[in-house]
Protein backbone atom coordinates (compact mmCIF):
# COMPACT_ATOMS: atom_id res chain seq x y z
CA UNK A 1 126.67 99.50 121.15
CA UNK A 2 125.28 97.71 118.10
CA UNK A 3 121.54 97.17 117.92
CA UNK A 4 120.00 95.02 115.19
CA UNK A 5 116.22 95.07 115.31
CA UNK A 6 113.89 93.00 113.11
CA UNK A 7 116.34 93.07 110.21
CA UNK A 8 115.40 91.19 107.05
CA UNK A 9 117.19 90.96 103.72
CA UNK A 10 115.26 89.72 100.70
CA UNK A 11 116.78 89.50 97.22
CA UNK A 12 115.07 88.73 93.93
CA UNK A 13 116.68 86.00 91.84
CA UNK A 14 115.16 84.62 88.63
CA UNK A 15 111.93 86.40 89.43
CA UNK A 16 111.64 84.83 92.88
CA UNK A 17 112.16 86.42 96.29
CA UNK A 18 114.94 84.79 98.29
CA UNK A 19 115.08 85.53 102.02
CA UNK A 20 118.69 85.85 103.20
CA UNK A 21 117.92 87.21 106.69
CA UNK A 22 114.57 86.81 108.40
CA UNK A 23 113.65 89.32 111.15
CA UNK A 24 116.89 89.10 113.13
CA UNK A 25 117.21 91.00 116.43
CA UNK A 26 120.06 91.25 118.95
CA UNK A 27 122.12 93.81 120.86
CA UNK A 28 125.90 93.85 121.19
CA UNK A 29 127.12 96.02 124.10
CA UNK A 30 130.13 98.25 123.59
CA UNK A 31 133.50 96.52 124.02
CA UNK A 32 132.13 93.00 123.65
CA UNK A 33 133.70 90.41 121.31
CA UNK A 34 131.25 88.32 119.30
CA UNK A 35 131.63 85.49 116.80
CA UNK A 36 128.88 84.98 114.23
CA UNK A 37 128.84 81.35 113.13
CA UNK A 38 126.65 79.06 111.09
CA UNK A 39 126.66 76.91 107.95
CA UNK A 40 127.37 78.36 104.52
CA UNK A 41 124.35 80.24 103.23
CA UNK A 42 123.02 81.08 106.70
CA UNK A 43 123.41 84.84 106.12
CA UNK A 44 126.52 85.52 108.21
CA UNK A 45 128.46 87.67 105.76
CA UNK A 46 125.30 89.44 104.62
CA UNK A 47 124.55 90.39 108.22
CA UNK A 48 128.10 91.66 108.80
CA UNK A 49 127.95 93.73 105.63
CA UNK A 50 124.67 95.30 106.75
CA UNK A 51 126.21 96.13 110.14
CA UNK A 52 129.03 97.90 108.28
CA UNK A 53 126.60 99.86 106.15
CA UNK A 54 127.88 98.23 102.96
CA UNK A 55 124.26 97.50 102.02
CA UNK A 56 120.81 98.35 103.35
CA UNK A 57 118.35 95.80 104.74
CA UNK A 58 114.97 95.24 103.16
CA UNK A 59 113.39 96.05 106.52
CA UNK A 60 114.38 96.67 110.14
CA UNK A 61 116.91 98.99 111.73
CA UNK A 62 120.61 98.81 112.61
CA UNK A 63 121.92 101.30 115.15
CA UNK A 64 125.61 101.89 115.86
CA UNK A 65 126.60 104.08 118.79
CA UNK A 66 123.07 105.48 118.92
CA UNK A 67 122.92 106.31 115.20
CA UNK A 68 120.50 104.58 112.83
CA UNK A 69 122.65 103.71 109.80
CA UNK A 70 119.78 102.27 107.75
CA UNK A 71 118.52 105.73 106.85
CA UNK A 72 121.87 107.26 105.89
CA UNK A 73 122.84 108.46 102.43
CA UNK A 74 125.85 106.77 100.84
CA UNK A 75 128.09 109.80 101.38
CA UNK A 76 127.11 110.15 105.04
CA UNK A 77 127.54 106.40 105.55
CA UNK A 78 131.04 106.53 104.05
CA UNK A 79 132.01 109.29 106.48
CA UNK A 80 130.41 107.48 109.43
CA UNK A 81 132.23 104.26 108.49
CA UNK A 82 135.59 106.06 108.47
CA UNK A 83 134.88 107.41 111.95
CA UNK A 84 133.29 104.39 113.61
CA UNK A 85 133.97 101.15 111.74
CA UNK A 86 137.01 99.13 110.77
CA UNK A 87 136.23 96.34 108.29
CA UNK A 88 138.46 93.38 107.45
CA UNK A 89 137.61 91.41 104.33
CA UNK A 90 138.40 87.71 103.93
CA UNK A 91 140.13 88.38 100.62
CA UNK A 92 142.07 91.35 102.06
CA UNK A 93 140.92 93.87 99.38
CA UNK A 94 144.22 95.72 99.35
CA UNK A 95 144.75 98.19 96.50
CA UNK A 96 147.20 96.36 94.19
CA UNK A 97 148.88 99.51 92.85
CA UNK A 98 149.73 100.81 96.33
CA UNK A 99 152.48 99.61 98.66
CA UNK A 100 151.69 98.23 102.10
CA UNK A 101 152.30 101.56 103.81
CA UNK A 102 150.27 103.42 101.18
CA UNK A 103 147.35 101.01 101.66
CA UNK A 104 147.31 101.65 105.40
CA UNK A 105 147.66 105.40 104.86
CA UNK A 106 144.53 105.64 102.66
CA UNK A 107 141.91 105.91 105.46
CA UNK A 108 144.18 108.26 107.39
CA UNK A 109 144.51 110.57 104.39
CA UNK A 110 140.76 110.49 103.84
CA UNK A 111 140.36 111.59 107.47
CA UNK A 112 142.78 114.48 106.93
CA UNK A 113 145.61 113.00 109.01
CA UNK A 114 148.67 115.20 108.40
CA UNK A 115 151.14 112.43 109.31
CA UNK A 116 149.28 109.71 107.45
CA UNK A 117 152.32 107.89 106.06
CA UNK A 118 154.24 108.15 109.35
CA UNK A 119 151.24 106.81 111.27
CA UNK A 120 150.81 104.01 108.71
CA UNK A 121 154.46 103.07 109.13
CA UNK A 122 154.01 102.91 112.90
CA UNK A 123 151.00 100.62 112.49
CA UNK A 124 152.84 98.29 110.12
CA UNK A 125 155.75 98.10 112.55
CA UNK A 126 153.27 97.19 115.27
CA UNK A 127 152.06 94.19 113.26
CA UNK A 128 155.60 93.06 112.48
CA UNK A 129 155.86 94.37 108.93
CA UNK A 130 158.48 97.08 109.30
CA UNK A 131 160.56 95.41 106.60
CA UNK A 132 157.67 95.06 104.14
CA UNK A 133 156.33 98.62 103.97
CA UNK A 134 157.48 99.27 100.43
CA UNK A 135 156.18 95.97 99.07
CA UNK A 136 153.08 95.69 96.90
CA UNK A 137 150.29 93.21 97.83
CA UNK A 138 151.42 90.72 95.17
CA UNK A 139 154.83 90.61 96.87
CA UNK A 140 153.32 89.72 100.27
CA UNK A 141 152.21 86.36 101.64
CA UNK A 142 148.58 85.80 102.58
CA UNK A 143 149.35 86.32 106.26
CA UNK A 144 151.25 89.51 105.55
CA UNK A 145 148.42 90.85 103.41
CA UNK A 146 145.94 90.12 106.19
CA UNK A 147 148.11 91.93 108.73
CA UNK A 148 148.22 94.93 106.40
CA UNK A 149 144.41 94.72 106.17
CA UNK A 150 144.11 94.63 109.98
CA UNK A 151 146.42 97.64 110.32
CA UNK A 152 144.38 99.53 107.72
CA UNK A 153 141.09 98.66 109.42
CA UNK A 154 142.38 99.97 112.75
CA UNK A 155 144.23 102.99 111.34
CA UNK A 156 141.62 105.53 112.49
CA UNK A 157 141.11 103.76 115.84
CA UNK A 158 137.45 102.85 115.19
CA UNK A 159 135.36 101.83 118.20
CA UNK A 160 133.88 98.97 116.15
CA UNK A 161 135.95 96.36 114.31
CA UNK A 162 134.17 93.94 111.95
CA UNK A 163 135.94 91.00 110.30
CA UNK A 164 134.62 88.58 107.67
CA UNK A 165 136.39 85.21 107.94
CA UNK A 166 139.70 86.88 108.92
CA UNK A 167 141.54 83.53 109.03
CA UNK A 168 139.66 81.87 106.16
CA UNK A 169 142.50 82.13 103.62
CA UNK A 170 145.36 81.49 106.06
CA UNK A 171 147.17 78.41 107.34
CA UNK A 172 146.65 77.51 110.99
CA UNK A 173 149.88 79.06 112.28
CA UNK A 174 149.36 82.36 110.44
CA UNK A 175 145.70 82.35 111.39
CA UNK A 176 146.67 82.07 115.05
CA UNK A 177 148.83 85.19 114.71
CA UNK A 178 145.92 87.12 113.21
CA UNK A 179 143.60 85.92 115.99
CA UNK A 180 146.09 87.12 118.61
CA UNK A 181 146.31 90.47 116.86
CA UNK A 182 142.53 90.96 116.77
CA UNK A 183 142.18 89.96 120.41
CA UNK A 184 144.92 92.39 121.40
CA UNK A 185 143.02 95.24 119.74
CA UNK A 186 139.89 94.27 121.64
CA UNK A 187 141.64 93.94 124.98
CA UNK A 188 144.00 96.90 124.78
CA UNK A 189 141.62 99.42 123.27
CA UNK A 190 138.14 98.28 124.31
CA UNK A 191 137.18 97.84 120.66
CA UNK A 192 133.85 96.15 119.97
CA UNK A 193 134.87 93.13 117.89
CA UNK A 194 132.40 91.24 115.71
CA UNK A 195 133.60 88.58 113.31
CA UNK A 196 132.18 85.94 111.01
CA UNK A 197 134.03 82.64 111.13
CA UNK A 198 133.95 78.89 110.53
CA UNK A 199 137.03 78.54 112.76
CA UNK A 200 136.00 76.85 116.03
CA UNK A 201 139.13 78.00 117.87
CA UNK A 202 138.50 81.59 116.83
CA UNK A 203 134.80 81.44 117.75
CA UNK A 204 135.48 80.06 121.23
CA UNK A 205 138.02 82.80 121.90
CA UNK A 206 135.21 85.35 121.69
CA UNK A 207 133.06 86.40 124.66
CA UNK A 208 129.84 85.48 122.88
CA UNK A 209 128.82 83.23 119.99
CA UNK A 210 125.81 84.08 117.87
CA UNK A 211 124.76 81.21 115.61
CA UNK A 212 122.68 81.66 112.44
CA UNK A 213 120.77 79.09 110.46
CA UNK A 214 118.51 79.75 107.47
CA UNK A 215 118.69 83.48 108.04
CA UNK A 216 117.59 83.36 111.67
CA UNK A 217 119.31 83.42 115.05
CA UNK A 218 119.49 79.79 116.13
CA UNK A 219 121.36 80.42 119.40
CA UNK A 220 123.06 83.24 121.28
CA UNK A 221 125.38 81.85 123.91
CA UNK A 222 128.70 81.88 125.71
CA UNK A 223 131.26 79.30 124.52
CA UNK A 224 131.63 76.16 126.67
CA UNK A 225 133.05 76.80 130.13
CA UNK A 226 136.78 77.36 130.21
CA UNK A 227 137.23 77.89 126.46
CA UNK A 228 136.60 81.61 126.01
CA UNK A 229 138.87 84.40 127.19
CA UNK A 230 137.83 87.62 128.95
CA UNK A 231 134.27 86.38 129.10
CA UNK A 232 131.51 88.69 130.33
CA UNK A 233 128.56 87.92 132.52
CA UNK A 234 125.50 88.33 130.32
CA UNK A 235 122.00 87.05 129.81
CA UNK A 236 120.84 86.51 126.24
CA UNK A 237 117.17 86.07 127.11
CA UNK A 238 115.13 88.10 124.63
CA UNK A 239 118.37 89.07 122.85
CA UNK A 240 119.02 91.72 125.49
CA UNK A 241 122.37 90.96 127.13
CA UNK A 242 123.28 92.54 130.42
CA UNK A 243 127.01 92.96 130.11
CA UNK A 244 129.65 93.61 132.71
CA UNK A 245 132.84 94.49 130.85
CA UNK A 246 136.20 93.44 132.16
CA UNK A 247 139.19 94.46 130.12
CA UNK A 248 142.48 93.55 131.78
CA UNK A 249 145.64 94.89 130.23
CA UNK A 250 146.72 92.46 127.56
CA UNK A 251 149.70 90.32 128.51
CA UNK A 252 149.98 89.02 124.96
CA UNK A 253 151.18 92.13 123.17
CA UNK A 254 151.04 95.90 123.15
CA UNK A 255 150.43 96.44 119.46
CA UNK A 256 148.84 99.66 118.24
CA UNK A 257 149.56 101.65 121.37
CA UNK A 258 150.21 105.26 120.44
C-alpha cells in the first residue's frame, strides 16, 4: 500500500517560495494500477519522485508497505528502493558505457544476486531483446531502450513499479508495446503500478485515474465505463478507496515469469 498524507513540496526560486505540491493526500491499495494525469507544471513528476524516495517533501508523510520513507537516511532509502521500488524514467537513464544485459544486471548485482547476468539475460529475452543483449544504449532504438529500462526496473521483482511518462518518447506503436508490457507485470505479478502520463489511452487502461492541477488533487476517479481493464470496485470519498482486487491470469503475455 502507498499512503500519501498532507504532502507539500515548496521550492525557493529567485528568493520566492514556489509551491509545487499543496497538501496532497490519497491512498493506493496494494496491487492497484493508477495513472497520475494533469497539465504540465501540475506536480505529477515531482509527486512520483517523492513516492520513489528520490527527494523529500517539505512537509507530510509518504508510507510504502507500512514504512515511512520521509524519515529515512539516503543510504537506507537506497536499500529500501532496491527492495521495494522499480522506477522507469521517461528518458530511460541507461548507463551508456554498459551493454543492455549489463544495465539490467546492475540492480541484481547490488542485491547480491549470484546469477545476475543470467537473470538479466532471461529478463531481456522476456521483453523480446534476446538479440540485443550485447548492444550499448546508443545502438538501441527508443523503444528498445525503454524495454531495457522496464526489465531493469523489474529485475528485483519489486512490489511497487513507478513510471514517469513511460511512452512519452515513443511512437504510438512502440508505446503500445510498452503499455502491454507494464500491464502484464501488473496482472501477472500483482505489482502495484503507478505512472505519470499525458497519454489518454494509457491513463484509461489503468484501474484508477488521479488528476492533479496546480499542485492539488483535482479528481480521483475510475476511467469512463468500459474503457479501463481489470477495474476494481472502490470509493474515493475522502481519498480512502475500498479496493477489491481481481487479478485474472494475463491472456496477453507471460513475460517475466520465473
